[in-house]
N, C-alpha and C. Protein backbone atom coordinates (compact mmCIF):
# COMPACT_ATOMS: atom_id res chain seq x y z
N MET A 1 35.98 -57.60 -23.81
CA MET A 1 36.21 -58.29 -22.51
C MET A 1 35.13 -57.66 -21.44
N PRO A 2 34.51 -58.21 -20.72
CA PRO A 2 33.60 -57.75 -19.64
C PRO A 2 34.32 -56.78 -18.65
N ASN A 3 33.68 -55.84 -18.23
CA ASN A 3 34.32 -54.92 -17.24
C ASN A 3 34.37 -55.57 -15.84
N ILE A 4 35.69 -55.96 -15.47
CA ILE A 4 35.86 -56.44 -14.42
C ILE A 4 36.43 -55.47 -13.22
N LYS A 5 35.78 -55.31 -12.15
CA LYS A 5 35.99 -54.35 -11.19
C LYS A 5 37.39 -54.87 -10.46
N LEU A 6 38.50 -53.89 -10.43
CA LEU A 6 39.53 -54.23 -9.69
C LEU A 6 39.41 -53.92 -8.18
N LYS A 7 39.82 -54.87 -7.23
CA LYS A 7 39.80 -54.63 -5.85
C LYS A 7 40.80 -53.47 -5.47
N PRO A 8 40.74 -53.01 -4.35
CA PRO A 8 41.54 -52.00 -3.80
C PRO A 8 42.84 -52.56 -3.67
N CYS A 9 43.95 -51.79 -3.45
CA CYS A 9 45.44 -52.38 -3.15
C CYS A 9 45.29 -53.01 -1.77
N PRO A 10 45.71 -54.17 -1.69
CA PRO A 10 45.86 -54.83 -0.42
C PRO A 10 46.72 -54.29 0.73
N PHE A 11 47.73 -53.44 0.18
CA PHE A 11 48.63 -53.00 1.11
C PHE A 11 48.31 -51.63 1.70
N CYS A 12 47.80 -50.74 0.74
CA CYS A 12 47.45 -49.25 1.34
C CYS A 12 46.08 -49.05 1.18
N GLY A 13 45.13 -49.80 0.43
CA GLY A 13 43.78 -49.85 0.53
C GLY A 13 43.14 -48.71 -0.53
N ASN A 14 44.09 -48.01 -1.36
CA ASN A 14 43.82 -47.23 -2.18
C ASN A 14 43.01 -47.83 -3.46
N GLN A 15 42.03 -47.16 -4.09
CA GLN A 15 41.18 -47.72 -5.03
C GLN A 15 41.47 -46.85 -6.30
N THR A 16 41.59 -45.61 -6.02
CA THR A 16 41.80 -44.72 -7.21
C THR A 16 42.99 -44.79 -8.02
N SER A 17 44.13 -45.31 -7.39
CA SER A 17 45.41 -45.51 -8.03
C SER A 17 45.68 -46.75 -8.69
N VAL A 18 44.72 -47.77 -8.38
CA VAL A 18 44.90 -49.06 -9.05
C VAL A 18 44.31 -49.13 -10.50
N GLY A 19 45.40 -49.77 -11.44
CA GLY A 19 44.95 -49.67 -12.83
C GLY A 19 45.90 -50.71 -13.51
N VAL A 20 45.50 -51.04 -14.61
CA VAL A 20 46.14 -52.08 -15.37
C VAL A 20 47.07 -51.39 -16.62
N PHE A 21 48.38 -51.60 -16.48
CA PHE A 21 49.38 -51.12 -17.40
C PHE A 21 50.09 -52.19 -18.16
N ASP A 22 50.56 -51.67 -19.20
CA ASP A 22 51.37 -52.78 -19.99
C ASP A 22 52.91 -52.51 -19.76
N GLU A 23 53.66 -53.63 -19.85
CA GLU A 23 54.99 -53.32 -19.56
C GLU A 23 55.90 -52.45 -20.01
N ASN A 24 55.48 -51.95 -21.25
CA ASN A 24 56.19 -50.62 -21.74
C ASN A 24 55.98 -49.51 -21.11
N PHE A 25 54.83 -49.28 -20.61
CA PHE A 25 54.47 -48.22 -19.67
C PHE A 25 55.13 -48.30 -18.36
N ILE A 26 55.10 -49.51 -17.57
CA ILE A 26 55.65 -49.84 -16.40
C ILE A 26 57.20 -49.60 -16.44
N GLU A 27 57.78 -50.28 -17.44
CA GLU A 27 59.16 -50.00 -17.60
C GLU A 27 59.69 -48.81 -18.10
N ILE A 28 58.74 -47.82 -18.43
CA ILE A 28 59.17 -46.46 -19.00
C ILE A 28 60.02 -46.76 -20.24
N ARG A 29 59.77 -47.51 -21.22
CA ARG A 29 60.53 -47.57 -22.62
C ARG A 29 60.23 -46.62 -23.47
N ASP A 30 61.25 -46.26 -24.31
CA ASP A 30 61.13 -45.41 -25.23
C ASP A 30 60.65 -46.13 -26.52
N ILE A 31 60.10 -45.38 -27.63
CA ILE A 31 59.48 -46.06 -28.58
C ILE A 31 60.26 -47.10 -29.31
N GLU A 32 61.67 -46.99 -29.42
CA GLU A 32 62.61 -47.92 -30.02
C GLU A 32 62.73 -49.28 -29.39
N ASN A 33 62.51 -49.22 -28.15
CA ASN A 33 62.68 -50.32 -27.14
C ASN A 33 61.40 -50.98 -26.58
N CYS A 34 60.15 -50.43 -27.29
CA CYS A 34 58.86 -51.07 -26.78
C CYS A 34 58.88 -52.56 -27.28
N VAL A 35 58.25 -53.36 -26.45
CA VAL A 35 57.77 -54.74 -26.73
C VAL A 35 56.64 -54.72 -27.55
N GLU A 36 56.56 -55.56 -28.60
CA GLU A 36 55.41 -55.32 -29.66
C GLU A 36 54.12 -56.10 -28.98
N ASN A 37 54.02 -57.06 -28.32
CA ASN A 37 53.00 -57.66 -27.66
C ASN A 37 53.45 -57.82 -26.20
N PRO A 38 53.09 -56.61 -25.52
CA PRO A 38 53.46 -56.61 -24.04
C PRO A 38 52.55 -57.38 -23.16
N TYR A 39 53.11 -57.77 -22.04
CA TYR A 39 52.30 -58.37 -20.98
C TYR A 39 51.80 -57.06 -20.16
N PHE A 40 50.84 -57.63 -19.20
CA PHE A 40 50.25 -56.50 -18.38
C PHE A 40 50.16 -56.88 -17.02
N ALA A 41 49.99 -55.86 -16.19
CA ALA A 41 50.08 -56.05 -14.72
C ALA A 41 49.26 -54.96 -14.06
N VAL A 42 48.61 -55.35 -13.01
CA VAL A 42 47.88 -54.43 -12.11
C VAL A 42 48.84 -53.85 -11.31
N CYS A 43 48.69 -52.43 -11.18
CA CYS A 43 49.68 -51.42 -10.28
C CYS A 43 49.00 -50.72 -9.47
N CYS A 44 49.37 -50.29 -8.17
CA CYS A 44 48.85 -49.31 -7.38
C CYS A 44 49.88 -48.15 -7.54
N SER A 45 49.51 -47.30 -8.63
CA SER A 45 50.64 -46.34 -9.13
C SER A 45 50.78 -45.29 -8.10
N VAL A 46 52.05 -44.81 -8.10
CA VAL A 46 52.72 -43.88 -7.28
C VAL A 46 52.55 -42.58 -7.75
N ASN A 47 52.01 -42.29 -8.99
CA ASN A 47 51.93 -41.06 -9.56
C ASN A 47 50.69 -41.16 -10.58
N ASP A 48 50.09 -39.97 -10.92
CA ASP A 48 48.92 -39.93 -11.80
C ASP A 48 49.30 -39.72 -13.22
N TYR A 49 50.53 -39.96 -13.70
CA TYR A 49 50.97 -40.03 -15.02
C TYR A 49 49.93 -40.98 -15.72
N GLY A 50 49.31 -40.61 -16.74
CA GLY A 50 48.60 -41.47 -17.67
C GLY A 50 47.20 -41.91 -17.08
N THR A 51 46.84 -41.29 -16.17
CA THR A 51 45.36 -41.62 -15.64
C THR A 51 44.45 -40.46 -15.53
N GLU A 52 43.30 -40.46 -15.74
CA GLU A 52 42.33 -39.35 -15.75
C GLU A 52 41.39 -39.72 -14.55
N THR A 53 41.67 -40.34 -13.62
CA THR A 53 40.80 -40.82 -12.55
C THR A 53 40.53 -39.70 -11.76
N PRO A 54 39.04 -39.25 -11.56
CA PRO A 54 38.72 -38.13 -10.64
C PRO A 54 39.21 -38.42 -9.25
N ASN A 55 39.38 -37.57 -8.48
CA ASN A 55 39.83 -37.67 -6.93
C ASN A 55 41.13 -38.61 -6.75
N TYR A 56 41.99 -38.68 -7.72
CA TYR A 56 43.12 -39.56 -7.74
C TYR A 56 44.05 -39.20 -6.52
N THR A 57 44.28 -40.22 -5.89
CA THR A 57 45.48 -40.07 -4.54
C THR A 57 46.59 -41.19 -4.88
N ASN A 58 47.78 -40.68 -4.92
CA ASN A 58 48.91 -41.48 -5.12
C ASN A 58 48.83 -42.96 -4.31
N GLY A 59 49.31 -44.10 -4.87
CA GLY A 59 49.27 -45.37 -4.30
C GLY A 59 50.77 -45.66 -3.58
N CYS A 60 50.82 -46.83 -3.12
CA CYS A 60 51.95 -47.36 -2.64
C CYS A 60 53.00 -48.04 -3.57
N GLY A 61 52.66 -48.38 -4.80
CA GLY A 61 53.75 -49.00 -5.92
C GLY A 61 53.58 -50.35 -5.92
N ALA A 62 52.60 -51.07 -5.11
CA ALA A 62 52.39 -52.40 -5.41
C ALA A 62 52.15 -52.88 -6.63
N MET A 63 52.39 -54.10 -7.18
CA MET A 63 52.26 -54.36 -8.51
C MET A 63 51.80 -56.02 -8.39
N GLY A 64 50.90 -56.58 -9.16
CA GLY A 64 50.65 -57.70 -9.43
C GLY A 64 51.56 -58.37 -10.45
N GLY A 65 51.64 -59.73 -10.67
CA GLY A 65 52.58 -60.23 -11.71
C GLY A 65 52.15 -59.95 -13.10
N PHE A 66 52.92 -60.01 -13.97
CA PHE A 66 52.71 -59.81 -15.43
C PHE A 66 52.01 -60.96 -16.03
N LYS A 67 50.99 -60.81 -16.73
CA LYS A 67 50.14 -61.74 -17.66
C LYS A 67 50.04 -61.32 -19.03
N PRO A 68 49.59 -62.44 -19.63
CA PRO A 68 49.48 -62.11 -21.34
C PRO A 68 48.43 -61.32 -21.73
N THR A 69 47.26 -61.22 -20.80
CA THR A 69 46.09 -60.27 -21.07
C THR A 69 45.82 -59.42 -20.02
N LYS A 70 45.19 -58.34 -20.34
CA LYS A 70 44.50 -57.42 -19.33
C LYS A 70 43.64 -58.36 -18.25
N LYS A 71 42.74 -59.14 -18.94
CA LYS A 71 41.82 -60.10 -18.02
C LYS A 71 42.60 -60.90 -17.07
N GLU A 72 43.70 -61.45 -17.59
CA GLU A 72 44.41 -62.23 -16.76
C GLU A 72 45.06 -61.66 -15.48
N ALA A 73 45.49 -60.42 -15.92
CA ALA A 73 46.23 -59.59 -14.84
C ALA A 73 45.13 -59.02 -13.82
N ILE A 74 44.05 -58.73 -14.17
CA ILE A 74 42.95 -58.47 -13.22
C ILE A 74 42.59 -59.63 -12.51
N GLU A 75 42.41 -60.72 -13.11
CA GLU A 75 41.92 -61.91 -12.34
C GLU A 75 43.05 -62.29 -11.14
N ASN A 76 44.50 -62.16 -11.59
CA ASN A 76 45.25 -62.51 -10.76
C ASN A 76 45.33 -61.38 -9.57
N TRP A 77 45.25 -60.23 -9.81
CA TRP A 77 45.23 -59.14 -8.79
C TRP A 77 43.78 -59.29 -7.67
N ASN A 78 42.75 -59.70 -8.36
CA ASN A 78 41.56 -59.92 -7.41
C ASN A 78 41.59 -61.13 -6.78
N GLN A 79 42.60 -62.17 -7.14
CA GLN A 79 42.24 -63.44 -6.37
C GLN A 79 42.70 -63.53 -5.02
N ARG A 80 43.50 -62.53 -4.39
CA ARG A 80 43.99 -62.71 -3.25
C ARG A 80 42.80 -62.51 -2.15
N THR A 81 43.36 -62.76 -0.89
CA THR A 81 42.34 -62.69 0.25
C THR A 81 42.39 -61.40 0.79
C-alpha cells in the first residue's frame, strides 16, 4: 500500500493524534474476543496508548467509519471537505 498522508482532524485540527486502528483495538477486546479479520477506522485518539508519535497531543475522539482495509479507511477520512 502506498503511503497515504492522513489529513488532520476536521473537528480539533490535531495531526499527531490521527491514526488508523483496527476494530479490536478501538473496541478494547481481549484476546478471546478478537475479530479474526477486523475492519479499520481512522481515529483522532484521546490517549497515546499504542502510538510512538513524537510530540503527541491528545485528540478529540472523532472517528471515521469502519472499512475493510486501511487504505479504504484513510480514503474515507481524507475525502471530507
